[in-house]
C-alpha cells in the first residue's frame, strides 16, 4: 500500500473554526464538529539537530478527521488531513467512503 498525500487549502472562521477547504479545484464546506488529535512524527528520520526553542510542530502533527460537502452534491466525504504546525501546509492523507463514485458524479456535474 502506497502513501497518499495531496495539498489542500483550509479556511477558518475568525474564532478558529474550520469552515471550508479547497481541493482538486473545488470548494468544500466542512461539517460541524471535526475531530482533532495529535500524533508523534518520526522527526529523527529527517532532522539531525534542532536548535533550542525552534521545535514547535517538530514532534507533534495536528491530525483532523473532516466531513466535507461540495456545493450542489449531496454526498459527504470523510477525510483525514494533517496540519504541519505552526503555520505549515495542510495535506489530505486518507479518503474514506465510496470516493470513486463521489468523484465520478462530481465530474459529471461539472460536465467533464
PDB file of N, CA and C in Angstrom:
ATOM      1  N   UNK A   1       0.842  -1.182   0.000  1.00  0.00           N
ATOM      2  CA  UNK A   1       0.000   0.000   0.000  1.00  0.00           C
ATOM      3  C   UNK A   1       0.882   1.237   0.000  1.00  0.00           C
ATOM      4  N   UNK A   2       0.626   2.178  -0.895  1.00  0.00           N
ATOM      5  CA  UNK A   2       1.425   3.380  -1.007  1.00  0.00           C
ATOM      6  C   UNK A   2       0.960   4.485  -0.076  1.00  0.00           C
ATOM      7  N   UNK A   3       1.718   5.560  -0.094  1.00  0.00           N
ATOM      8  CA  UNK A   3       1.390   6.723   0.726  1.00  0.00           C
ATOM      9  C   UNK A   3       0.618   7.710  -0.136  1.00  0.00           C
ATOM     10  N   UNK A   4      -0.475   8.233   0.413  1.00  0.00           N
ATOM     11  CA  UNK A   4      -1.293   9.214  -0.282  1.00  0.00           C
ATOM     12  C   UNK A   4      -1.142  10.554   0.421  1.00  0.00           C
ATOM     13  N   UNK A   5      -0.906  11.600  -0.340  1.00  0.00           N
ATOM     14  CA  UNK A   5      -0.797  12.937   0.241  1.00  0.00           C
ATOM     15  C   UNK A   5      -1.029  13.964  -0.858  1.00  0.00           C
ATOM     16  N   UNK A   6      -2.026  14.835  -0.644  1.00  0.00           N
ATOM     17  CA  UNK A   6      -2.314  15.916  -1.581  1.00  0.00           C
ATOM     18  C   UNK A   6      -2.505  17.206  -0.799  1.00  0.00           C
ATOM     19  N   UNK A   7      -1.968  18.287  -1.330  1.00  0.00           N
ATOM     20  CA  UNK A   7      -2.104  19.577  -0.684  1.00  0.00           C
ATOM     21  C   UNK A   7      -3.524  20.122  -0.790  1.00  0.00           C
ATOM     22  N   UNK A   8      -3.961  20.798   0.266  1.00  0.00           N
ATOM     23  CA  UNK A   8      -5.257  21.461   0.290  1.00  0.00           C
ATOM     24  C   UNK A   8      -5.078  22.830   0.935  1.00  0.00           C
ATOM     25  N   UNK A   9      -6.063  23.659   0.758  1.00  0.00           N
ATOM     26  CA  UNK A   9      -6.097  24.955   1.427  1.00  0.00           C
ATOM     27  C   UNK A   9      -7.295  24.950   2.364  1.00  0.00           C
ATOM     28  N   UNK A  10      -7.062  25.282   3.630  1.00  0.00           N
ATOM     29  CA  UNK A  10      -8.121  25.258   4.635  1.00  0.00           C
ATOM     30  C   UNK A  10      -8.381  26.676   5.128  1.00  0.00           C
ATOM     31  N   UNK A  11      -9.653  27.068   5.168  1.00  0.00           N
ATOM     32  CA  UNK A  11     -10.042  28.386   5.659  1.00  0.00           C
ATOM     33  C   UNK A  11     -10.743  28.230   7.002  1.00  0.00           C
ATOM     34  N   UNK A  12     -10.438  29.163   7.899  1.00  0.00           N
ATOM     35  CA  UNK A  12     -11.022  29.159   9.242  1.00  0.00           C
ATOM     36  C   UNK A  12     -11.847  30.416   9.450  1.00  0.00           C
ATOM     37  N   UNK A  13     -12.791  30.323  10.377  1.00  0.00           N
ATOM     38  CA  UNK A  13     -13.555  31.500  10.785  1.00  0.00           C
ATOM     39  C   UNK A  13     -12.654  32.346  11.695  1.00  0.00           C
ATOM     40  N   UNK A  14     -13.055  33.588  11.997  1.00  0.00           N
ATOM     41  CA  UNK A  14     -12.248  34.429  12.885  1.00  0.00           C
ATOM     42  C   UNK A  14     -11.986  33.795  14.260  1.00  0.00           C
ATOM     43  N   UNK A  15     -12.889  32.917  14.714  1.00  0.00           N
ATOM     44  CA  UNK A  15     -12.673  32.269  16.014  1.00  0.00           C
ATOM     45  C   UNK A  15     -11.912  30.942  15.904  1.00  0.00           C
ATOM     46  N   UNK A  16     -11.381  30.622  14.711  1.00  0.00           N
ATOM     47  CA  UNK A  16     -10.532  29.449  14.531  1.00  0.00           C
ATOM     48  C   UNK A  16     -11.239  28.176  14.114  1.00  0.00           C
ATOM     49  N   UNK A  17     -12.555  28.236  13.908  1.00  0.00           N
ATOM     50  CA  UNK A  17     -13.308  27.052  13.474  1.00  0.00           C
ATOM     51  C   UNK A  17     -13.035  26.785  11.994  1.00  0.00           C
ATOM     52  N   UNK A  18     -12.751  25.524  11.652  1.00  0.00           N
ATOM     53  CA  UNK A  18     -12.526  25.150  10.257  1.00  0.00           C
ATOM     54  C   UNK A  18     -13.859  25.187   9.528  1.00  0.00           C
ATOM     55  N   UNK A  19     -13.935  25.947   8.426  1.00  0.00           N
ATOM     56  CA  UNK A  19     -15.217  26.118   7.755  1.00  0.00           C
ATOM     57  C   UNK A  19     -15.225  25.678   6.292  1.00  0.00           C
ATOM     58  N   UNK A  20     -14.078  25.732   5.618  1.00  0.00           N
ATOM     59  CA  UNK A  20     -14.075  25.447   4.187  1.00  0.00           C
ATOM     60  C   UNK A  20     -12.695  24.965   3.764  1.00  0.00           C
ATOM     61  N   UNK A  21     -12.674  24.097   2.737  1.00  0.00           N
ATOM     62  CA  UNK A  21     -11.390  23.720   2.156  1.00  0.00           C
ATOM     63  C   UNK A  21     -11.483  23.704   0.654  1.00  0.00           C
ATOM     64  N   UNK A  22     -10.349  23.932   0.040  1.00  0.00           N
ATOM     65  CA  UNK A  22     -10.228  23.921  -1.407  1.00  0.00           C
ATOM     66  C   UNK A  22      -9.308  22.754  -1.769  1.00  0.00           C
ATOM     67  N   UNK A  23      -9.816  21.876  -2.664  1.00  0.00           N
ATOM     68  CA  UNK A  23      -9.084  20.656  -3.014  1.00  0.00           C
ATOM     69  C   UNK A  23      -9.473  20.215  -4.410  1.00  0.00           C
ATOM     70  N   UNK A  24      -8.495  19.908  -5.229  1.00  0.00           N
ATOM     71  CA  UNK A  24      -8.711  19.440  -6.597  1.00  0.00           C
ATOM     72  C   UNK A  24      -9.585  20.405  -7.398  1.00  0.00           C
ATOM     73  N   UNK A  25      -9.377  21.695  -7.161  1.00  0.00           N
ATOM     74  CA  UNK A  25     -10.093  22.707  -7.918  1.00  0.00           C
ATOM     75  C   UNK A  25     -11.524  22.964  -7.485  1.00  0.00           C
ATOM     76  N   UNK A  26     -11.933  22.395  -6.370  1.00  0.00           N
ATOM     77  CA  UNK A  26     -13.312  22.578  -5.895  1.00  0.00           C
ATOM     78  C   UNK A  26     -13.305  23.061  -4.448  1.00  0.00           C
ATOM     79  N   UNK A  27     -14.394  23.735  -4.071  1.00  0.00           N
ATOM     80  CA  UNK A  27     -14.570  24.210  -2.694  1.00  0.00           C
ATOM     81  C   UNK A  27     -15.520  23.276  -1.957  1.00  0.00           C
ATOM     82  N   UNK A  28     -15.177  22.957  -0.728  1.00  0.00           N
ATOM     83  CA  UNK A  28     -15.981  22.081   0.111  1.00  0.00           C
ATOM     84  C   UNK A  28     -16.264  22.775   1.435  1.00  0.00           C
ATOM     85  N   UNK A  29     -17.493  22.661   1.911  1.00  0.00           N
ATOM     86  CA  UNK A  29     -17.794  23.144   3.256  1.00  0.00           C
ATOM     87  C   UNK A  29     -17.425  22.028   4.230  1.00  0.00           C
ATOM     88  N   UNK A  30     -16.950  22.425   5.403  1.00  0.00           N
ATOM     89  CA  UNK A  30     -16.584  21.466   6.435  1.00  0.00           C
ATOM     90  C   UNK A  30     -17.749  21.368   7.407  1.00  0.00           C
ATOM     91  N   UNK A  31     -18.237  20.151   7.597  1.00  0.00           N
ATOM     92  CA  UNK A  31     -19.365  19.926   8.504  1.00  0.00           C
ATOM     93  C   UNK A  31     -18.937  20.231   9.947  1.00  0.00           C
ATOM     94  N   UNK A  32     -19.897  20.599  10.802  1.00  0.00           N
ATOM     95  CA  UNK A  32     -19.567  20.926  12.200  1.00  0.00           C
ATOM     96  C   UNK A  32     -18.923  19.767  12.957  1.00  0.00           C
ATOM     97  N   UNK A  33     -18.183  20.101  13.961  1.00  0.00           N
ATOM     98  CA  UNK A  33     -17.572  19.178  14.921  1.00  0.00           C
ATOM     99  C   UNK A  33     -16.514  18.257  14.317  1.00  0.00           C
ATOM    100  N   UNK A  34     -15.518  18.811  13.630  1.00  0.00           N
ATOM    101  CA  UNK A  34     -14.437  17.948  13.158  1.00  0.00           C
ATOM    102  C   UNK A  34     -13.637  17.402  14.344  1.00  0.00           C
ATOM    103  N   UNK A  35     -13.029  16.245  14.153  1.00  0.00           N
ATOM    104  CA  UNK A  35     -12.217  15.633  15.205  1.00  0.00           C
ATOM    105  C   UNK A  35     -10.763  16.060  15.042  1.00  0.00           C
ATOM    106  N   UNK A  36     -10.096  16.356  16.155  1.00  0.00           N
ATOM    107  CA  UNK A  36      -8.692  16.740  16.128  1.00  0.00           C
ATOM    108  C   UNK A  36      -7.916  15.916  17.143  1.00  0.00           C
ATOM    109  N   UNK A  37      -6.736  15.453  16.747  1.00  0.00           N
ATOM    110  CA  UNK A  37      -5.837  14.761  17.664  1.00  0.00           C
ATOM    111  C   UNK A  37      -4.408  15.021  17.204  1.00  0.00           C
ATOM    112  N   UNK A  38      -3.444  14.579  18.007  1.00  0.00           N
ATOM    113  CA  UNK A  38      -2.036  14.784  17.693  1.00  0.00           C
ATOM    114  C   UNK A  38      -1.335  13.439  17.615  1.00  0.00           C
ATOM    115  N   UNK A  39      -0.424  13.334  16.655  1.00  0.00           N
ATOM    116  CA  UNK A  39       0.380  12.130  16.505  1.00  0.00           C
ATOM    117  C   UNK A  39       1.845  12.527  16.520  1.00  0.00           C
ATOM    118  N   UNK A  40       2.662  11.612  17.018  1.00  0.00           N
ATOM    119  CA  UNK A  40       4.105  11.848  17.033  1.00  0.00           C
ATOM    120  C   UNK A  40       4.677  11.630  15.640  1.00  0.00           C
ATOM    121  N   UNK A  41       5.530  12.518  15.249  1.00  0.00           N
ATOM    122  CA  UNK A  41       6.228  12.423  13.964  1.00  0.00           C
ATOM    123  C   UNK A  41       7.614  11.853  14.214  1.00  0.00           C
ATOM    124  N   UNK A  42       8.121  11.062  13.289  1.00  0.00           N
ATOM    125  CA  UNK A  42       9.477  10.498  13.408  1.00  0.00           C
ATOM    126  C   UNK A  42      10.491  11.561  12.985  1.00  0.00           C
ATOM    127  N   UNK A  43      10.608  12.608  13.791  1.00  0.00           N
ATOM    128  CA  UNK A  43      11.452  13.749  13.428  1.00  0.00           C
ATOM    129  C   UNK A  43      12.916  13.355  13.286  1.00  0.00           C
ATOM    130  N   UNK A  44      13.359  12.337  14.006  1.00  0.00           N
ATOM    131  CA  UNK A  44      14.764  11.950  13.970  1.00  0.00           C
ATOM    132  C   UNK A  44      15.166  11.361  12.617  1.00  0.00           C
ATOM    133  N   UNK A  45      14.166  10.968  11.795  1.00  0.00           N
ATOM    134  CA  UNK A  45      14.472  10.436  10.476  1.00  0.00           C
ATOM    135  C   UNK A  45      14.824  11.532   9.480  1.00  0.00           C
ATOM    136  N   UNK A  46      14.372  12.763   9.743  1.00  0.00           N
ATOM    137  CA  UNK A  46      14.640  13.846   8.789  1.00  0.00           C
ATOM    138  C   UNK A  46      15.437  14.998   9.390  1.00  0.00           C
ATOM    139  N   UNK A  47      15.521  15.081  10.704  1.00  0.00           N
ATOM    140  CA  UNK A  47      16.233  16.167  11.367  1.00  0.00           C
ATOM    141  C   UNK A  47      17.339  15.590  12.238  1.00  0.00           C
ATOM    142  N   UNK A  48      18.560  16.055  12.026  1.00  0.00           N
ATOM    143  CA  UNK A  48      19.639  15.545  12.864  1.00  0.00           C
ATOM    144  C   UNK A  48      19.788  16.367  14.137  1.00  0.00           C
ATOM    145  N   UNK A  49      19.438  17.642  14.081  1.00  0.00           N
ATOM    146  CA  UNK A  49      19.563  18.501  15.253  1.00  0.00           C
ATOM    147  C   UNK A  49      18.566  19.657  15.125  1.00  0.00           C
ATOM    148  N   UNK A  50      17.973  20.009  16.228  1.00  0.00           N
ATOM    149  CA  UNK A  50      17.031  21.121  16.255  1.00  0.00           C
ATOM    150  C   UNK A  50      17.535  22.125  17.285  1.00  0.00           C
ATOM    151  N   UNK A  51      17.715  23.388  16.870  1.00  0.00           N
ATOM    152  CA  UNK A  51      18.156  24.402  17.829  1.00  0.00           C
ATOM    153  C   UNK A  51      17.123  24.593  18.939  1.00  0.00           C
ATOM    154  N   UNK A  52      17.578  24.883  20.162  1.00  0.00           N
ATOM    155  CA  UNK A  52      16.643  25.101  21.274  1.00  0.00           C
ATOM    156  C   UNK A  52      15.612  26.176  20.932  1.00  0.00           C
ATOM    157  N   UNK A  53      14.364  25.926  21.304  1.00  0.00           N
ATOM    158  CA  UNK A  53      13.293  26.892  21.085  1.00  0.00           C
ATOM    159  C   UNK A  53      12.709  26.896  19.693  1.00  0.00           C
ATOM    160  N   UNK A  54      13.201  26.045  18.798  1.00  0.00           N
ATOM    161  CA  UNK A  54      12.707  26.022  17.415  1.00  0.00           C
ATOM    162  C   UNK A  54      12.026  24.710  17.059  1.00  0.00           C
ATOM    163  N   UNK A  55      11.517  23.999  18.048  1.00  0.00           N
ATOM    164  CA  UNK A  55      10.940  22.690  17.780  1.00  0.00           C
ATOM    165  C   UNK A  55       9.435  22.655  17.660  1.00  0.00           C
ATOM    166  N   UNK A  56       8.768  23.822  17.607  1.00  0.00           N
ATOM    167  CA  UNK A  56       7.300  23.823  17.517  1.00  0.00           C
ATOM    168  C   UNK A  56       6.851  23.076  16.274  1.00  0.00           C
ATOM    169  N   UNK A  57       5.983  22.121  16.466  1.00  0.00           N
ATOM    170  CA  UNK A  57       5.469  21.338  15.344  1.00  0.00           C
ATOM    171  C   UNK A  57       6.397  20.239  14.875  1.00  0.00           C
ATOM    172  N   UNK A  58       7.558  20.141  15.494  1.00  0.00           N
ATOM    173  CA  UNK A  58       8.525  19.143  15.059  1.00  0.00           C
ATOM    174  C   UNK A  58       8.146  17.741  15.533  1.00  0.00           C
ATOM    175  N   UNK A  59       7.673  17.635  16.745  1.00  0.00           N
ATOM    176  CA  UNK A  59       7.373  16.332  17.327  1.00  0.00           C
ATOM    177  C   UNK A  59       5.936  15.910  17.057  1.00  0.00           C
ATOM    178  N   UNK A  60       5.006  16.832  17.200  1.00  0.00           N
ATOM    179  CA  UNK A  60       3.595  16.504  17.052  1.00  0.00           C
ATOM    180  C   UNK A  60       3.038  16.999  15.723  1.00  0.00           C
ATOM    181  N   UNK A  61       2.212  16.166  15.122  1.00  0.00           N
ATOM    182  CA  UNK A  61       1.452  16.561  13.937  1.00  0.00           C
ATOM    183  C   UNK A  61       0.005  16.731  14.359  1.00  0.00           C
ATOM    184  N   UNK A  62      -0.629  17.785  13.905  1.00  0.00           N
ATOM    185  CA  UNK A  62      -2.045  18.003  14.194  1.00  0.00           C
ATOM    186  C   UNK A  62      -2.847  17.282  13.120  1.00  0.00           C
ATOM    187  N   UNK A  63      -3.643  16.310  13.538  1.00  0.00           N
ATOM    188  CA  UNK A  63      -4.436  15.493  12.634  1.00  0.00           C
ATOM    189  C   UNK A  63      -5.897  15.890  12.769  1.00  0.00           C
ATOM    190  N   UNK A  64      -6.616  15.863  11.658  1.00  0.00           N
ATOM    191  CA  UNK A  64      -8.044  16.192  11.654  1.00  0.00           C
ATOM    192  C   UNK A  64      -8.799  15.143  10.851  1.00  0.00           C
ATOM    193  N   UNK A  65      -9.972  14.783  11.307  1.00  0.00           N
ATOM    194  CA  UNK A  65     -10.911  13.984  10.518  1.00  0.00           C
ATOM    195  C   UNK A  65     -12.079  14.913  10.210  1.00  0.00           C
ATOM    196  N   UNK A  66     -12.246  15.184   8.922  1.00  0.00           N
ATOM    197  CA  UNK A  66     -13.245  16.150   8.469  1.00  0.00           C
ATOM    198  C   UNK A  66     -14.297  15.464   7.621  1.00  0.00           C
ATOM    199  N   UNK A  67     -15.527  15.890   7.794  1.00  0.00           N
ATOM    200  CA  UNK A  67     -16.584  15.522   6.854  1.00  0.00           C
ATOM    201  C   UNK A  67     -16.847  16.768   6.032  1.00  0.00           C
ATOM    202  N   UNK A  68     -16.736  16.617   4.723  1.00  0.00           N
ATOM    203  CA  UNK A  68     -16.859  17.767   3.828  1.00  0.00           C
ATOM    204  C   UNK A  68     -17.949  17.503   2.806  1.00  0.00           C
ATOM    205  N   UNK A  69     -18.502  18.601   2.309  1.00  0.00           N
ATOM    206  CA  UNK A  69     -19.577  18.515   1.313  1.00  0.00           C
ATOM    207  C   UNK A  69     -19.333  19.604   0.263  1.00  0.00           C
ATOM    208  N   UNK A  70     -19.409  19.194  -0.984  1.00  0.00           N
ATOM    209  CA  UNK A  70     -19.270  20.139  -2.091  1.00  0.00           C
ATOM    210  C   UNK A  70     -20.636  20.707  -2.432  1.00  0.00           C
ATOM    211  N   UNK A  71     -20.699  21.991  -2.690  1.00  0.00           N
ATOM    212  CA  UNK A  71     -21.964  22.651  -3.019  1.00  0.00           C
ATOM    213  C   UNK A  71     -22.630  21.957  -4.211  1.00  0.00           C
ATOM    214  N   UNK A  72     -23.916  21.666  -4.059  1.00  0.00           N
ATOM    215  CA  UNK A  72     -24.677  21.040  -5.136  1.00  0.00           C
ATOM    216  C   UNK A  72     -24.545  19.529  -5.197  1.00  0.00           C
ATOM    217  N   UNK A  73     -23.721  18.942  -4.339  1.00  0.00           N
ATOM    218  CA  UNK A  73     -23.530  17.492  -4.307  1.00  0.00           C
ATOM    219  C   UNK A  73     -24.017  16.995  -2.949  1.00  0.00           C
ATOM    220  N   UNK A  74     -24.890  15.996  -2.948  1.00  0.00           N
ATOM    221  CA  UNK A  74     -25.462  15.502  -1.694  1.00  0.00           C
ATOM    222  C   UNK A  74     -24.490  14.670  -0.867  1.00  0.00           C
ATOM    223  N   UNK A  75     -23.539  14.009  -1.513  1.00  0.00           N
ATOM    224  CA  UNK A  75     -22.646  13.095  -0.805  1.00  0.00           C
ATOM    225  C   UNK A  75     -21.621  13.833   0.037  1.00  0.00           C
ATOM    226  N   UNK A  76     -21.350  13.263   1.212  1.00  0.00           N
ATOM    227  CA  UNK A  76     -20.285  13.753   2.074  1.00  0.00           C
ATOM    228  C   UNK A  76     -19.053  12.894   1.855  1.00  0.00           C
ATOM    229  N   UNK A  77     -17.896  13.495   1.992  1.00  0.00           N
ATOM    230  CA  UNK A  77     -16.639  12.768   2.016  1.00  0.00           C
ATOM    231  C   UNK A  77     -16.060  12.883   3.412  1.00  0.00           C
ATOM    232  N   UNK A  78     -15.412  11.838   3.872  1.00  0.00           N
ATOM    233  CA  UNK A  78     -14.692  11.888   5.139  1.00  0.00           C
ATOM    234  C   UNK A  78     -13.213  11.814   4.809  1.00  0.00           C
ATOM    235  N   UNK A  79     -12.473  12.809   5.293  1.00  0.00           N
ATOM    236  CA  UNK A  79     -11.052  12.922   5.000  1.00  0.00           C
ATOM    237  C   UNK A  79     -10.252  12.983   6.285  1.00  0.00           C
ATOM    238  N   UNK A  80      -9.073  12.381   6.281  1.00  0.00           N
ATOM    239  CA  UNK A  80      -8.078  12.637   7.319  1.00  0.00           C
ATOM    240  C   UNK A  80      -7.078  13.606   6.713  1.00  0.00           C
ATOM    241  N   UNK A  81      -6.827  14.687   7.421  1.00  0.00           N
ATOM    242  CA  UNK A  81      -5.863  15.679   6.951  1.00  0.00           C
ATOM    243  C   UNK A  81      -4.854  15.944   8.056  1.00  0.00           C
ATOM    244  N   UNK A  82      -3.680  16.377   7.647  1.00  0.00           N
ATOM    245  CA  UNK A  82      -2.625  16.718   8.595  1.00  0.00           C
ATOM    246  C   UNK A  82      -2.286  18.188   8.408  1.00  0.00           C
ATOM    247  N   UNK A  83      -2.047  18.868   9.522  1.00  0.00           N
ATOM    248  CA  UNK A  83      -1.631  20.263   9.504  1.00  0.00           C
ATOM    249  C   UNK A  83      -0.253  20.326  10.136  1.00  0.00           C
ATOM    250  N   UNK A  84       0.714  20.773   9.362  1.00  0.00           N
ATOM    251  CA  UNK A  84       2.073  20.906   9.863  1.00  0.00           C
ATOM    252  C   UNK A  84       2.180  22.226  10.615  1.00  0.00           C
ATOM    253  N   UNK A  85       2.362  22.130  11.918  1.00  0.00           N
ATOM    254  CA  UNK A  85       2.387  23.304  12.788  1.00  0.00           C
ATOM    255  C   UNK A  85       3.736  24.005  12.719  1.00  0.00           C
ATOM    256  N   UNK A  86       3.814  25.288  13.037  1.00  0.00           N
ATOM    257  CA  UNK A  86       2.710  26.116  13.493  1.00  0.00           C
ATOM    258  C   UNK A  86       1.880  26.697  12.345  1.00  0.00           C
ATOM    259  N   UNK A  87       2.493  27.059  11.242  1.00  0.00           N
ATOM    260  CA  UNK A  87       1.742  27.671  10.144  1.00  0.00           C
ATOM    261  C   UNK A  87       2.009  26.980   8.819  1.00  0.00           C
ATOM    262  N   UNK A  88       2.308  25.704   8.876  1.00  0.00           N
ATOM    263  CA  UNK A  88       2.672  24.970   7.675  1.00  0.00           C
ATOM    264  C   UNK A  88       1.485  24.526   6.851  1.00  0.00           C
ATOM    265  N   UNK A  89       1.764  23.721   5.841  1.00  0.00           N
ATOM    266  CA  UNK A  89       0.710  23.309   4.908  1.00  0.00           C
ATOM    267  C   UNK A  89      -0.267  22.311   5.512  1.00  0.00           C
ATOM    268  N   UNK A  90      -1.410  22.196   4.847  1.00  0.00           N
ATOM    269  CA  UNK A  90      -2.428  21.189   5.135  1.00  0.00           C
ATOM    270  C   UNK A  90      -2.354  20.163   4.011  1.00  0.00           C
ATOM    271  N   UNK A  91      -2.520  18.875   4.349  1.00  0.00           N
ATOM    272  CA  UNK A  91      -2.485  17.829   3.340  1.00  0.00           C
ATOM    273  C   UNK A  91      -3.533  16.766   3.647  1.00  0.00           C
ATOM    274  N   UNK A  92      -4.232  16.299   2.599  1.00  0.00           N
ATOM    275  CA  UNK A  92      -5.133  15.151   2.733  1.00  0.00           C
ATOM    276  C   UNK A  92      -4.248  13.908   2.729  1.00  0.00           C
ATOM    277  N   UNK A  93      -4.452  13.033   3.719  1.00  0.00           N
ATOM    278  CA  UNK A  93      -3.645  11.820   3.766  1.00  0.00           C
ATOM    279  C   UNK A  93      -4.480  10.540   3.674  1.00  0.00           C
ATOM    280  N   UNK A  94      -5.806  10.664   3.865  1.00  0.00           N
ATOM    281  CA  UNK A  94      -6.667   9.482   3.756  1.00  0.00           C
ATOM    282  C   UNK A  94      -8.069   9.917   3.350  1.00  0.00           C
ATOM    283  N   UNK A  95      -8.674   9.141   2.457  1.00  0.00           N
ATOM    284  CA  UNK A  95     -10.038   9.385   1.996  1.00  0.00           C
ATOM    285  C   UNK A  95     -10.868   8.160   2.351  1.00  0.00           C
ATOM    286  N   UNK A  96     -12.008   8.398   2.976  1.00  0.00           N
ATOM    287  CA  UNK A  96     -12.927   7.316   3.330  1.00  0.00           C
ATOM    288  C   UNK A  96     -14.110   7.352   2.366  1.00  0.00           C
ATOM    289  N   UNK A  97     -15.044   6.453   2.543  1.00  0.00           N
ATOM    290  CA  UNK A  97     -16.299   6.405   1.788  1.00  0.00           C
ATOM    291  C   UNK A  97     -16.085   5.887   0.378  1.00  0.00           C
ATOM    292  N   UNK A  98     -17.123   5.939  -0.398  1.00  0.00           N
ATOM    293  CA  UNK A  98     -17.075   5.475  -1.786  1.00  0.00           C
ATOM    294  C   UNK A  98     -16.578   6.615  -2.660  1.00  0.00           C
ATOM    295  N   UNK A  99     -15.328   6.959  -2.486  1.00  0.00           N
ATOM    296  CA  UNK A  99     -14.777   8.167  -3.095  1.00  0.00           C
ATOM    297  C   UNK A  99     -14.812   8.141  -4.623  1.00  0.00           C
ATOM    298  N   UNK A 100     -14.555   7.004  -5.239  1.00  0.00           N
ATOM    299  CA  UNK A 100     -14.560   6.960  -6.700  1.00  0.00           C
ATOM    300  C   UNK A 100     -15.927   7.333  -7.254  1.00  0.00           C
ATOM    301  N   UNK A 101     -16.977   6.812  -6.638  1.00  0.00           N
ATOM    302  CA  UNK A 101     -18.331   7.133  -7.095  1.00  0.00           C
ATOM    303  C   UNK A 101     -18.632   8.614  -6.896  1.00  0.00           C
ATOM    304  N   UNK A 102     -18.191   9.175  -5.785  1.00  0.00           N
ATOM    305  CA  UNK A 102     -18.440  10.589  -5.500  1.00  0.00           C
ATOM    306  C   UNK A 102     -17.744  11.456  -6.531  1.00  0.00           C
ATOM    307  N   UNK A 103     -16.456  11.173  -6.821  1.00  0.00           N
ATOM    308  CA  UNK A 103     -15.732  11.982  -7.798  1.00  0.00           C
ATOM    309  C   UNK A 103     -16.300  11.804  -9.198  1.00  0.00           C
ATOM    310  N   UNK A 104     -16.771  10.590  -9.519  1.00  0.00           N
ATOM    311  CA  UNK A 104     -17.398  10.357 -10.811  1.00  0.00           C
ATOM    312  C   UNK A 104     -18.633  11.242 -10.972  1.00  0.00           C
ATOM    313  N   UNK A 105     -19.483  11.290  -9.935  1.00  0.00           N
ATOM    314  CA  UNK A 105     -20.682  12.131 -10.002  1.00  0.00           C
ATOM    315  C   UNK A 105     -20.315  13.605 -10.078  1.00  0.00           C
ATOM    316  N   UNK A 106     -19.255  14.006  -9.366  1.00  0.00           N
ATOM    317  CA  UNK A 106     -18.843  15.399  -9.410  1.00  0.00           C
ATOM    318  C   UNK A 106     -18.335  15.778 -10.788  1.00  0.00           C
ATOM    319  N   UNK A 107     -17.589  14.876 -11.432  1.00  0.00           N
ATOM    320  CA  UNK A 107     -17.100  15.143 -12.783  1.00  0.00           C
ATOM    321  C   UNK A 107     -18.276  15.270 -13.750  1.00  0.00           C
ATOM    322  N   UNK A 108     -19.272  14.420 -13.620  1.00  0.00           N
ATOM    323  CA  UNK A 108     -20.460  14.502 -14.474  1.00  0.00           C
ATOM    324  C   UNK A 108     -21.190  15.829 -14.247  1.00  0.00           C
ATOM    325  N   UNK A 109     -21.297  16.243 -12.988  1.00  0.00           N
ATOM    326  CA  UNK A 109     -21.964  17.512 -12.661  1.00  0.00           C
ATOM    327  C   UNK A 109     -21.192  18.694 -13.229  1.00  0.00           C
ATOM    328  N   UNK A 110     -19.852  18.561 -13.306  1.00  0.00           N
ATOM    329  CA  UNK A 110     -19.015  19.636 -13.836  1.00  0.00           C
ATOM    330  C   UNK A 110     -18.984  19.635 -15.361  1.00  0.00           C
ATOM    331  N   UNK A 111     -19.534  18.579 -15.974  1.00  0.00           N
ATOM    332  CA  UNK A 111     -19.541  18.495 -17.418  1.00  0.00           C
ATOM    333  C   UNK A 111     -18.270  17.935 -18.007  1.00  0.00           C
ATOM    334  N   UNK A 112     -17.508  17.217 -17.197  1.00  0.00           N
ATOM    335  CA  UNK A 112     -16.231  16.650 -17.685  1.00  0.00           C
ATOM    336  C   UNK A 112     -16.462  15.383 -18.480  1.00  0.00           C
TER     337      UNK A 112
END
